[in-house]
Amino acid sequence: MSSIRRPISLAAAVLTAAALGTTALVLPAQAAGGPPTQPMEIIGGSLDWGVLASYRAYVTGMAKGTITVADGAKQNEDGTLRFVEPTGQYDPAGGHVVKAAFKGSVTFSSPAPPTGHGFEVKLSDFRIDTGTKNLTADVTKSGTTTQDVPLAKVAFAGQAMTNLGTTLTKEAADALGSPGYENKAGDPLTAKLEFKQPTPDPEPTPPKPTPTKPTPTAPQPTAPAGGVQKVLSGKLTWGVKESFRKYVLGAGSITPAGGAAKNGDLFDFAFGKGELDVKKQKLNASFEGNLRFQYAAHGIDMTFANPRLDATGKTGTLYLDVKNASGSKTAVPFATLDLSKTDYKTKNGVLALNAVPAAFTAEGAATFANDTTGSMYKAGDAIDPLTLSVAVDKDATLPTTTGGTTGGTSGTGGTTGGTGGTGASVGGGGSVGGNLANTGAEIPATALLTTSGVVTAAGAGALFLARRRRTAQA
C-alpha cells in the first residue's frame, strides 16, 4: 500500500548540533508525539549571512566597488545577504544531520585602477552541513569557478539557528584576496528551514476474500525511461592504493576527516551532490571527506580529498583535491574508471556499483612525484577499485558496504570488494596506524623514500634493513 503523506511546515525549524564532533539534532515533536525517525525533506526557508562586514565596507568604500545580488538573493537593510529556496533534508538515521543548499548569488566587484582596485568575486550555491559544520559555496574568480569551496566553520549549537558564530577559512581568505581574513570571525549566520513531515500509514483494511482469483503481485519499481534525476543520497568506499597504504602504515598513519570514516581497511566518503541520467548513461556524483597520509621519517605528508565521479557510458574519471609538498590543487583528474560492466539502471531507486576498476591518469601519477626521481607510478597503473551507491528515490535504502578488502569485479548491485591485504589498527584521533608493513614489489624503494623530496639517512637505512630481513626470511 502506498504511503499517504501530507506536508507540515515547521516554520523556523529548530535543530541542534552538539559541539566537538557529537552531533545531536532535535526537531519539534510530531502531531502523534515524539521526534521524527524518517528523513524529512526541506521545502522552504532562507539563509542570512553577510560574509564579513568590514569586507563589504571595503568593497563599497576604499575599493569604490559594488555588491550585486542575483538569482533570487537579496541584500538586507543591514547590508547582510539573504539566500532562498533551500533544498536538502534532515536525516535522523544518518547521524542527525541537516544538509541544505540555497539559491542565489552575490558578486563583489571593483573597477580597474586608478578608479578602483580591479577585482570581481562571485559566490553562489551556498550550502550548510551540520555534520561537518561547514558553510560552502561555489567561487568564481578570474573567469574560473571552483565548486563547494569551504568558506567558514559554523558554530552549530542550541535549538535555534540564529546568530551562529562563523570563522573564515584559508579558502575564504584566498577568495577575498587577503590572507589576513583566515581564522577571522565572519558575520553571524541565521538559517530558517521548513520541512515536509511524513505521517504514518493508516491502519490497513483487511482484504475481502477472493477464492476464485488471486490478488496480483505489484511489480517491482523500475528506473524511468529517461531524463536527468537528482541524486538524493549516496556513499563511496575507497582506499586510494593498497600498496601505498601498506607502505605508509609501516611507521606512519592515515587520518580520515571532514566526512571520511574508516571502514575495515578502506574508507567511506559522505555524499555531496549528483545527477543520474539512465537513458544517456551519465552519472556525476561528488563526495565529501579527506585522507591524510603521514610518514614523518620519510618526509611524506599528502592529503586526498573530496572525490568526484564523472562517468559517461563505459568510461569515467575520478577527480580529487590533492595537497602535497608541491602545494594544493583542486579537481585533479586522478584516475580513469572502467565502467564496461555498468548499465546505469537503478533497482528500487538505487544504482550500486561494486569494485569499479580504476587506473592512474598522468596527472594522478604525477601527484606522487618529487624533484629527484619523479613519480614511482605512471599513467595506467592500477589503483584501488571504487565501490559506490547512489539513490534517486528519497525512500530508497543504500546497501551496506564492507571495506575490509580492495579487489573484485565491477557490476551493478554489489556492495563488497574482493581480495584483501593486511589489517590496520585505529590510532588516536581516528587515524589508522600499524607496524612495519611490506611496501609491495610494485613500488621501487628509492622512489618511495623520496616521495616528498625530504628523506633522512636513518629512514633509508631502516627500510633497507627491513628489505634485507624479508629477503633472508624468504
Protein backbone atom coordinates (compact mmCIF):
# COMPACT_ATOMS: atom_id res chain seq x y z
CA MET A 1 0.00 0.00 0.00
CA SER A 2 1.45 3.35 -0.92
CA SER A 3 2.13 5.83 1.89
CA ILE A 4 -0.27 8.75 2.38
CA ARG A 5 1.84 11.86 3.07
CA ARG A 6 0.93 15.45 3.92
CA PRO A 7 3.26 18.44 4.17
CA ILE A 8 3.56 20.12 7.55
CA SER A 9 5.54 23.37 7.50
CA LEU A 10 7.75 23.62 10.56
CA ALA A 11 8.35 27.37 10.41
CA ALA A 12 11.83 28.41 11.58
CA ALA A 13 12.61 24.76 12.23
CA VAL A 14 14.72 24.26 15.34
CA LEU A 15 17.71 21.99 15.31
CA THR A 16 20.78 21.47 17.45
CA ALA A 17 24.27 20.10 16.81
CA ALA A 18 26.35 19.31 19.91
CA ALA A 19 29.90 20.67 19.73
CA LEU A 20 33.20 18.89 19.08
CA GLY A 21 32.05 16.10 16.82
CA THR A 22 28.98 14.77 18.69
CA THR A 23 26.01 15.66 16.52
CA ALA A 24 22.59 15.61 18.20
CA LEU A 25 19.79 17.24 16.23
CA VAL A 26 16.40 17.86 17.84
CA LEU A 27 13.21 18.74 15.96
CA PRO A 28 9.75 19.67 17.29
CA ALA A 29 7.54 16.73 18.21
CA GLN A 30 5.25 15.40 15.51
CA ALA A 31 1.50 15.59 15.87
CA ALA A 32 1.49 11.98 17.05
CA GLY A 33 4.23 12.78 19.60
CA GLY A 34 7.99 12.17 19.61
CA PRO A 35 10.81 13.28 17.32
CA PRO A 36 10.92 12.21 13.64
CA THR A 37 12.52 8.92 12.70
CA GLN A 38 12.41 9.22 8.90
CA PRO A 39 14.28 11.65 6.59
CA MET A 40 12.47 14.98 6.29
CA GLU A 41 12.69 16.96 3.03
CA ILE A 42 13.39 20.70 3.22
CA ILE A 43 10.59 22.61 1.45
CA GLY A 44 11.30 26.25 2.34
CA GLY A 45 13.29 28.77 4.32
CA SER A 46 16.23 31.15 3.99
CA LEU A 47 19.89 31.72 4.92
CA ASP A 48 21.16 35.11 6.16
CA TRP A 49 24.92 35.76 6.12
CA GLY A 50 26.95 38.82 5.18
CA VAL A 51 30.38 37.17 4.78
CA LEU A 52 32.25 39.93 6.65
CA ALA A 53 31.00 43.47 7.45
CA SER A 54 34.47 45.04 7.16
CA TYR A 55 34.97 43.43 3.75
CA ARG A 56 31.65 44.78 2.49
CA ALA A 57 32.63 48.24 3.74
CA TYR A 58 35.97 47.95 1.95
CA VAL A 59 34.33 46.96 -1.35
CA THR A 60 31.86 49.86 -1.42
CA GLY A 61 34.27 52.32 0.22
CA MET A 62 38.00 52.26 -0.42
CA ALA A 63 37.69 49.96 -3.48
CA LYS A 64 34.86 52.11 -4.92
CA GLY A 65 33.09 48.92 -5.95
CA THR A 66 29.65 47.37 -5.82
CA ILE A 67 27.85 44.43 -4.20
CA THR A 68 25.40 42.82 -6.63
CA VAL A 69 22.89 40.08 -5.76
CA ALA A 70 21.25 37.82 -8.35
CA ASP A 71 19.45 34.50 -8.92
CA GLY A 72 16.94 35.20 -6.13
CA ALA A 73 19.33 36.50 -3.46
CA LYS A 74 18.58 39.76 -1.63
CA GLN A 75 20.56 42.29 0.40
CA ASN A 76 19.05 43.03 3.81
CA GLU A 77 18.73 46.53 5.26
CA ASP A 78 21.78 45.95 7.49
CA GLY A 79 23.89 45.03 4.44
CA THR A 80 23.89 41.26 5.06
CA LEU A 81 22.76 38.85 2.36
CA ARG A 82 19.76 36.53 2.13
CA PHE A 83 19.75 33.31 0.08
CA VAL A 84 16.48 31.49 -0.58
CA GLU A 85 14.61 28.39 -1.82
CA PRO A 86 16.64 25.76 0.06
CA THR A 87 16.68 22.10 -0.89
CA GLY A 88 18.00 19.15 1.11
CA GLN A 89 16.92 17.08 4.07
CA TYR A 90 17.27 16.21 7.72
CA ASP A 91 18.38 12.60 8.23
CA PRO A 92 17.81 11.28 11.78
CA ALA A 93 19.09 7.82 10.86
CA GLY A 94 22.30 9.15 9.27
CA GLY A 95 23.75 10.94 12.27
CA HIS A 96 21.03 13.60 12.82
CA VAL A 97 22.49 15.77 10.07
CA VAL A 98 20.84 18.61 8.16
CA LYS A 99 22.24 19.40 4.72
CA ALA A 100 20.74 22.36 2.85
CA ALA A 101 21.59 24.15 -0.41
CA PHE A 102 20.33 27.70 -1.10
CA LYS A 103 19.57 29.59 -4.30
CA GLY A 104 21.13 32.97 -5.04
CA SER A 105 24.49 34.62 -5.71
CA VAL A 106 26.45 37.72 -4.69
CA THR A 107 29.21 39.43 -6.67
CA PHE A 108 31.79 41.74 -5.09
CA SER A 109 33.47 43.88 -7.75
CA SER A 110 35.75 46.91 -8.02
CA PRO A 111 36.66 48.81 -11.22
CA ALA A 112 40.19 48.71 -12.59
CA PRO A 113 42.84 51.13 -11.31
CA PRO A 114 43.21 54.03 -10.99
CA THR A 115 39.49 54.28 -10.17
CA GLY A 116 39.29 51.10 -8.07
CA HIS A 117 41.27 48.03 -7.10
CA GLY A 118 40.32 45.81 -10.06
CA PHE A 119 38.68 42.61 -8.80
CA GLU A 120 35.47 40.58 -9.16
CA VAL A 121 34.48 37.67 -6.91
CA LYS A 122 31.16 35.81 -7.25
CA LEU A 123 29.81 33.47 -4.54
CA SER A 124 26.88 31.15 -5.31
CA ASP A 125 25.24 27.80 -4.41
CA PHE A 126 25.64 28.28 -0.64
CA ARG A 127 25.40 25.08 1.42
CA ILE A 128 25.31 24.28 5.14
CA ASP A 129 26.09 20.91 6.71
CA THR A 130 25.54 20.45 10.44
CA GLY A 131 27.60 17.25 10.35
CA THR A 132 30.84 18.80 9.08
CA LYS A 133 29.86 22.26 10.47
CA ASN A 134 30.85 23.74 7.11
CA LEU A 135 29.42 26.61 5.07
CA THR A 136 30.47 26.17 1.42
CA ALA A 137 29.84 27.99 -1.85
CA ASP A 138 30.92 27.97 -5.49
CA VAL A 139 33.56 30.68 -6.07
CA THR A 140 34.03 32.35 -9.47
CA LYS A 141 37.19 34.42 -9.79
CA SER A 142 39.19 35.47 -12.87
CA GLY A 143 36.66 33.61 -15.03
CA THR A 144 37.22 30.26 -13.25
CA THR A 145 34.62 28.59 -11.00
CA THR A 146 35.63 26.29 -8.13
CA GLN A 147 32.77 24.30 -6.65
CA ASP A 148 31.99 23.68 -2.98
CA VAL A 149 34.74 25.87 -1.50
CA PRO A 150 34.67 25.77 2.34
CA LEU A 151 34.20 29.44 3.29
CA ALA A 152 33.51 29.20 7.03
CA LYS A 153 33.20 26.92 10.03
CA VAL A 154 29.82 27.42 11.71
CA ALA A 155 29.18 27.03 15.46
CA PHE A 156 26.03 24.93 15.16
CA ALA A 157 24.68 24.79 18.74
CA GLY A 158 21.48 25.46 20.62
CA GLN A 159 17.94 24.90 19.45
CA ALA A 160 17.62 27.85 17.07
CA MET A 161 19.89 28.51 14.10
CA THR A 162 20.06 32.24 14.89
CA ASN A 163 23.18 34.43 15.07
CA LEU A 164 25.54 31.47 14.92
CA GLY A 165 29.23 32.32 15.06
CA THR A 166 31.31 31.76 11.90
CA THR A 167 35.08 31.57 11.36
CA LEU A 168 36.50 32.27 7.90
CA THR A 169 38.77 29.63 6.32
CA LYS A 170 42.00 29.93 4.36
CA GLU A 171 39.96 29.30 1.21
CA ALA A 172 37.71 32.26 2.09
CA ALA A 173 40.79 34.43 2.60
CA ASP A 174 42.10 33.37 -0.83
CA ALA A 175 38.73 34.17 -2.44
CA LEU A 176 38.51 37.60 -0.80
CA GLY A 177 42.08 38.45 -1.68
CA SER A 178 43.76 38.86 1.72
CA PRO A 179 45.50 36.25 3.94
CA GLY A 180 44.53 38.36 6.95
CA TYR A 181 40.95 37.08 6.71
CA GLU A 182 41.97 33.48 7.61
CA ASN A 183 40.57 32.44 11.03
CA LYS A 184 38.85 35.83 11.34
CA ALA A 185 35.35 35.89 12.81
CA GLY A 186 32.86 36.30 9.98
CA ASP A 187 29.33 37.69 10.13
CA PRO A 188 26.80 35.71 12.23
CA LEU A 189 24.70 33.16 10.34
CA THR A 190 20.95 32.63 10.64
CA ALA A 191 19.01 29.87 8.89
CA LYS A 192 15.26 29.23 8.88
CA LEU A 193 14.10 25.91 7.46
CA GLU A 194 10.71 24.33 6.79
CA PHE A 195 10.31 20.57 6.45
CA LYS A 196 7.78 18.18 4.94
CA GLN A 197 6.94 15.59 7.53
CA PRO A 198 5.64 12.13 6.58
CA THR A 199 2.66 10.76 8.53
CA PRO A 200 2.28 7.10 9.47
CA ASP A 201 0.43 4.84 7.08
CA PRO A 202 -3.23 4.34 8.01
CA GLU A 203 -4.31 1.08 9.56
CA PRO A 204 -4.70 -1.46 6.74
CA THR A 205 -8.22 -2.66 5.92
CA PRO A 206 -8.47 -6.46 5.82
CA PRO A 207 -8.91 -7.56 2.20
CA LYS A 208 -12.10 -9.27 1.13
CA PRO A 209 -11.66 -12.96 0.33
CA THR A 210 -11.25 -13.71 -3.37
CA PRO A 211 -11.30 -17.52 -3.63
CA THR A 212 -11.66 -17.66 -7.39
CA LYS A 213 -8.98 -15.10 -8.42
CA PRO A 214 -5.66 -14.46 -6.67
CA THR A 215 -4.59 -10.89 -5.94
CA PRO A 216 -1.95 -9.85 -8.48
CA THR A 217 1.51 -9.05 -7.12
CA ALA A 218 2.59 -5.45 -7.55
CA PRO A 219 5.53 -5.15 -9.96
CA GLN A 220 8.95 -4.01 -8.70
CA PRO A 221 9.64 -0.33 -9.35
CA THR A 222 11.90 0.35 -12.30
CA ALA A 223 14.03 3.29 -13.32
CA PRO A 224 12.36 5.87 -15.56
CA ALA A 225 12.94 5.58 -19.29
CA GLY A 226 14.91 8.81 -19.48
CA GLY A 227 15.62 12.24 -18.08
CA VAL A 228 18.02 13.64 -15.52
CA GLN A 229 17.34 12.59 -11.92
CA LYS A 230 18.79 14.35 -8.90
CA VAL A 231 20.84 12.05 -6.68
CA LEU A 232 19.45 12.37 -3.15
CA SER A 233 21.93 10.26 -1.19
CA GLY A 234 25.00 8.13 -1.75
CA LYS A 235 28.19 6.65 -0.37
CA LEU A 236 31.68 5.90 -1.73
CA THR A 237 34.06 3.28 -0.30
CA TRP A 238 37.70 3.53 -1.44
CA GLY A 239 41.30 3.31 -0.21
CA VAL A 240 43.42 5.19 -2.84
CA LYS A 241 46.06 2.47 -3.44
CA GLU A 242 46.60 -0.63 -1.29
CA SER A 243 50.38 -0.90 -1.63
CA PHE A 244 50.85 2.79 -0.79
CA ARG A 245 48.60 2.43 2.27
CA LYS A 246 50.66 -0.53 3.50
CA TYR A 247 53.88 1.39 2.95
CA VAL A 248 52.68 4.46 4.88
CA LEU A 249 51.25 2.30 7.68
CA GLY A 250 54.74 0.79 8.11
CA ALA A 251 55.55 3.55 10.55
CA GLY A 252 53.07 6.29 9.73
CA SER A 253 49.34 6.96 9.79
CA ILE A 254 46.28 7.60 7.62
CA THR A 255 43.80 10.05 9.14
CA PRO A 256 40.23 10.36 7.77
CA ALA A 257 38.36 13.63 8.39
CA GLY A 258 35.75 16.02 7.02
CA GLY A 259 33.17 13.34 6.19
CA ALA A 260 35.52 10.38 5.59
CA ALA A 261 35.47 7.45 8.03
CA LYS A 262 37.38 4.18 8.36
CA ASN A 263 35.60 1.06 7.04
CA GLY A 264 37.78 -2.00 7.51
CA ASP A 265 40.98 -1.47 5.52
CA LEU A 266 39.20 1.14 3.35
CA PHE A 267 37.34 4.42 3.95
CA ASP A 268 33.78 5.69 3.43
CA PHE A 269 33.15 9.17 2.00
CA ALA A 270 29.95 11.11 2.72
CA PHE A 271 27.66 12.16 -0.15
CA GLY A 272 27.73 15.70 -1.55
CA LYS A 273 25.54 16.08 -4.66
CA GLY A 274 24.98 14.50 -8.08
CA GLU A 275 22.78 13.68 -11.07
CA LEU A 276 21.95 10.45 -12.93
CA ASP A 277 20.64 10.07 -16.49
CA VAL A 278 19.83 6.40 -17.08
CA LYS A 279 18.87 6.85 -20.74
CA LYS A 280 22.07 8.69 -21.68
CA GLN A 281 24.13 6.56 -19.28
CA LYS A 282 25.60 9.51 -17.42
CA LEU A 283 26.44 9.87 -13.74
CA ASN A 284 28.15 12.63 -11.82
CA ALA A 285 28.47 12.44 -8.06
CA SER A 286 30.66 14.30 -5.60
CA PHE A 287 31.57 13.10 -2.12
CA GLU A 288 32.98 14.75 0.98
CA GLY A 289 35.92 13.84 3.20
CA ASN A 290 39.71 13.67 3.14
CA LEU A 291 42.50 11.18 3.87
CA ARG A 292 45.85 12.44 5.17
CA PHE A 293 48.84 10.10 4.64
CA GLN A 294 51.74 10.90 7.00
CA TYR A 295 55.10 9.15 7.36
CA ALA A 296 57.37 11.62 9.16
CA ALA A 297 60.55 9.51 8.97
CA HIS A 298 60.33 9.51 5.17
CA GLY A 299 59.02 13.06 4.80
CA ILE A 300 55.56 12.07 3.48
CA ASP A 301 52.54 14.30 4.13
CA MET A 302 49.82 14.02 1.46
CA THR A 303 46.07 14.65 1.59
CA PHE A 304 43.47 13.37 -0.90
CA ALA A 305 40.04 15.00 -0.57
CA ASN A 306 36.51 15.43 -1.99
CA PRO A 307 36.40 12.67 -4.64
CA ARG A 308 34.14 13.40 -7.61
CA LEU A 309 32.98 10.87 -10.21
CA ASP A 310 32.13 11.94 -13.77
CA ALA A 311 31.01 8.99 -15.91
CA THR A 312 29.51 8.59 -19.40
CA GLY A 313 28.88 5.19 -20.92
CA LYS A 314 31.70 2.72 -20.32
CA THR A 315 34.32 5.17 -19.07
CA GLY A 316 34.67 7.72 -16.34
CA THR A 317 37.10 9.97 -14.49
CA LEU A 318 37.75 10.30 -10.76
CA TYR A 319 38.71 13.83 -9.65
CA LEU A 320 40.40 14.66 -6.32
CA ASP A 321 41.63 17.68 -4.42
CA VAL A 322 45.30 16.95 -3.66
CA LYS A 323 47.68 18.55 -1.15
CA ASN A 324 51.36 17.53 -1.14
CA ALA A 325 54.83 19.03 -0.79
CA SER A 326 54.28 20.99 -4.02
CA GLY A 327 51.13 22.72 -2.73
CA SER A 328 47.36 22.28 -3.15
CA LYS A 329 45.38 21.55 -6.33
CA THR A 330 41.63 21.15 -6.77
CA ALA A 331 39.77 18.83 -9.15
CA VAL A 332 42.84 16.87 -10.27
CA PRO A 333 41.83 14.21 -12.86
CA PHE A 334 43.30 11.45 -10.70
CA ALA A 335 42.16 8.19 -12.31
CA THR A 336 40.24 6.67 -15.21
CA LEU A 337 37.36 4.29 -14.46
CA ASP A 338 36.36 1.13 -16.33
CA LEU A 339 32.54 1.03 -16.41
CA SER A 340 32.23 -1.58 -19.15
CA LYS A 341 30.05 -3.76 -16.88
CA THR A 342 27.73 -0.92 -15.83
CA ASP A 343 24.27 -0.40 -17.37
CA TYR A 344 23.25 2.60 -15.16
CA LYS A 345 19.86 1.03 -14.38
CA THR A 346 18.56 1.52 -10.86
CA LYS A 347 16.90 -1.12 -8.70
CA ASN A 348 14.44 0.09 -6.08
CA GLY A 349 15.74 3.60 -6.66
CA VAL A 350 19.43 2.71 -6.15
CA LEU A 351 22.37 2.40 -8.55
CA ALA A 352 25.06 0.28 -6.86
CA LEU A 353 28.48 -0.25 -8.43
CA ASN A 354 30.84 -2.80 -6.92
CA ALA A 355 34.65 -2.64 -7.23
CA VAL A 356 34.86 -0.42 -10.33
CA PRO A 357 38.40 -0.86 -11.77
CA ALA A 358 40.49 2.32 -11.71
CA ALA A 359 43.93 3.36 -13.03
CA PHE A 360 46.15 6.41 -12.65
CA THR A 361 45.97 9.22 -15.16
CA ALA A 362 49.22 11.04 -15.92
CA GLU A 363 48.09 13.82 -13.55
CA GLY A 364 47.23 11.32 -10.82
CA ALA A 365 50.59 9.58 -11.05
CA ALA A 366 52.35 12.96 -11.01
CA THR A 367 50.91 13.84 -7.58
CA PHE A 368 53.44 11.39 -6.11
CA ALA A 369 56.39 12.99 -7.96
CA ASN A 370 59.40 14.74 -6.43
CA ASP A 371 62.28 16.83 -7.77
CA THR A 372 64.80 13.98 -7.52
CA THR A 373 63.33 10.81 -9.01
CA GLY A 374 59.91 11.84 -10.32
CA SER A 375 56.92 9.58 -9.51
CA MET A 376 57.08 5.90 -8.65
CA TYR A 377 53.84 5.48 -10.61
CA LYS A 378 52.87 6.01 -14.25
CA ALA A 379 49.63 6.50 -16.15
CA GLY A 380 47.74 3.23 -16.47
CA ASP A 381 48.94 1.72 -13.17
CA ALA A 382 46.02 0.15 -11.29
CA ILE A 383 44.80 1.72 -8.04
CA ASP A 384 42.14 0.58 -5.58
CA PRO A 385 38.75 -0.04 -7.22
CA LEU A 386 35.76 2.09 -6.16
CA THR A 387 32.57 0.77 -4.58
CA LEU A 388 29.72 3.26 -4.54
CA SER A 389 25.95 3.54 -4.44
CA VAL A 390 23.62 6.46 -5.19
CA ALA A 391 19.88 6.80 -4.62
CA VAL A 392 17.38 8.79 -6.72
CA ASP A 393 14.40 7.86 -4.54
CA LYS A 394 14.13 9.63 -1.17
CA ASP A 395 12.73 6.44 0.40
CA ALA A 396 15.47 4.20 -1.01
CA THR A 397 17.90 2.39 1.31
CA LEU A 398 21.58 2.31 0.36
CA PRO A 399 23.30 -1.10 0.57
CA THR A 400 25.81 -1.70 3.35
CA THR A 401 29.42 -1.74 2.15
CA THR A 402 32.20 -3.80 3.68
CA GLY A 403 35.61 -2.14 3.38
CA GLY A 404 37.84 -4.96 4.57
CA THR A 405 39.05 -5.76 1.04
CA THR A 406 40.01 -3.93 -2.13
CA GLY A 407 39.77 -6.23 -5.15
CA GLY A 408 36.84 -7.75 -7.04
CA THR A 409 34.93 -7.08 -10.25
CA SER A 410 32.70 -4.23 -11.28
CA GLY A 411 28.96 -4.56 -11.76
CA THR A 412 25.54 -3.29 -10.71
CA GLY A 413 24.05 -4.19 -7.36
CA GLY A 414 27.15 -5.37 -5.49
CA THR A 415 28.48 -3.91 -2.24
CA THR A 416 31.64 -5.75 -1.23
CA GLY A 417 35.22 -5.83 -2.56
CA GLY A 418 37.37 -8.84 -3.37
CA THR A 419 40.95 -9.64 -2.41
CA GLY A 420 42.36 -8.30 0.83
CA GLY A 421 45.51 -7.06 2.47
CA THR A 422 46.94 -6.72 5.95
CA GLY A 423 44.75 -5.31 8.69
CA ALA A 424 45.23 -1.87 10.24
CA SER A 425 44.61 -0.66 13.76
CA VAL A 426 42.83 2.51 14.74
CA GLY A 427 45.07 5.09 16.39
CA GLY A 428 44.32 8.25 18.30
CA GLY A 429 42.10 10.87 16.75
CA GLY A 430 40.66 8.46 14.21
CA SER A 431 43.93 7.92 12.34
CA VAL A 432 45.00 4.50 11.13
CA GLY A 433 48.37 3.12 12.21
CA GLY A 434 50.28 -0.17 12.22
CA ASN A 435 53.64 -1.92 12.50
CA LEU A 436 56.23 -2.21 9.70
CA ALA A 437 54.48 -3.48 6.57
CA ASN A 438 55.74 -4.84 3.26
CA THR A 439 55.91 -1.99 0.74
CA GLY A 440 54.97 -4.28 -2.13
CA ALA A 441 57.16 -5.36 -5.04
CA GLU A 442 55.48 -2.92 -7.44
CA ILE A 443 56.86 0.18 -5.63
CA PRO A 444 60.59 0.99 -6.05
CA ALA A 445 62.04 1.62 -2.58
CA THR A 446 64.11 4.62 -3.76
CA ALA A 447 61.11 6.31 -5.29
CA LEU A 448 59.00 5.76 -2.18
CA LEU A 449 61.70 7.13 0.10
CA THR A 450 61.82 10.36 -1.90
CA THR A 451 58.06 10.84 -2.42
CA SER A 452 58.09 14.31 -0.86
CA GLY A 453 61.74 15.10 -1.60
CA VAL A 454 62.68 15.02 2.10
CA VAL A 455 64.34 11.73 3.19
CA THR A 456 66.59 11.09 6.15
CA ALA A 457 69.51 8.67 6.00
CA ALA A 458 68.15 6.88 9.05
CA GLY A 459 64.83 6.29 7.31
CA ALA A 460 66.51 4.92 4.19
CA GLY A 461 68.66 2.60 6.30
CA ALA A 462 65.66 1.32 8.21
CA LEU A 463 63.82 0.39 5.02
CA PHE A 464 66.98 -1.19 3.57
CA LEU A 465 67.41 -3.40 6.66
CA ALA A 466 63.72 -4.32 6.54
CA ARG A 467 64.13 -5.44 2.89
CA ARG A 468 67.24 -7.46 3.84
CA ARG A 469 65.32 -9.21 6.65
CA ARG A 470 62.42 -10.05 4.31
CA THR A 471 64.86 -11.47 1.74
CA ALA A 472 66.58 -13.62 4.39
CA GLN A 473 63.23 -14.90 5.67
CA ALA A 474 62.15 -15.77 2.12
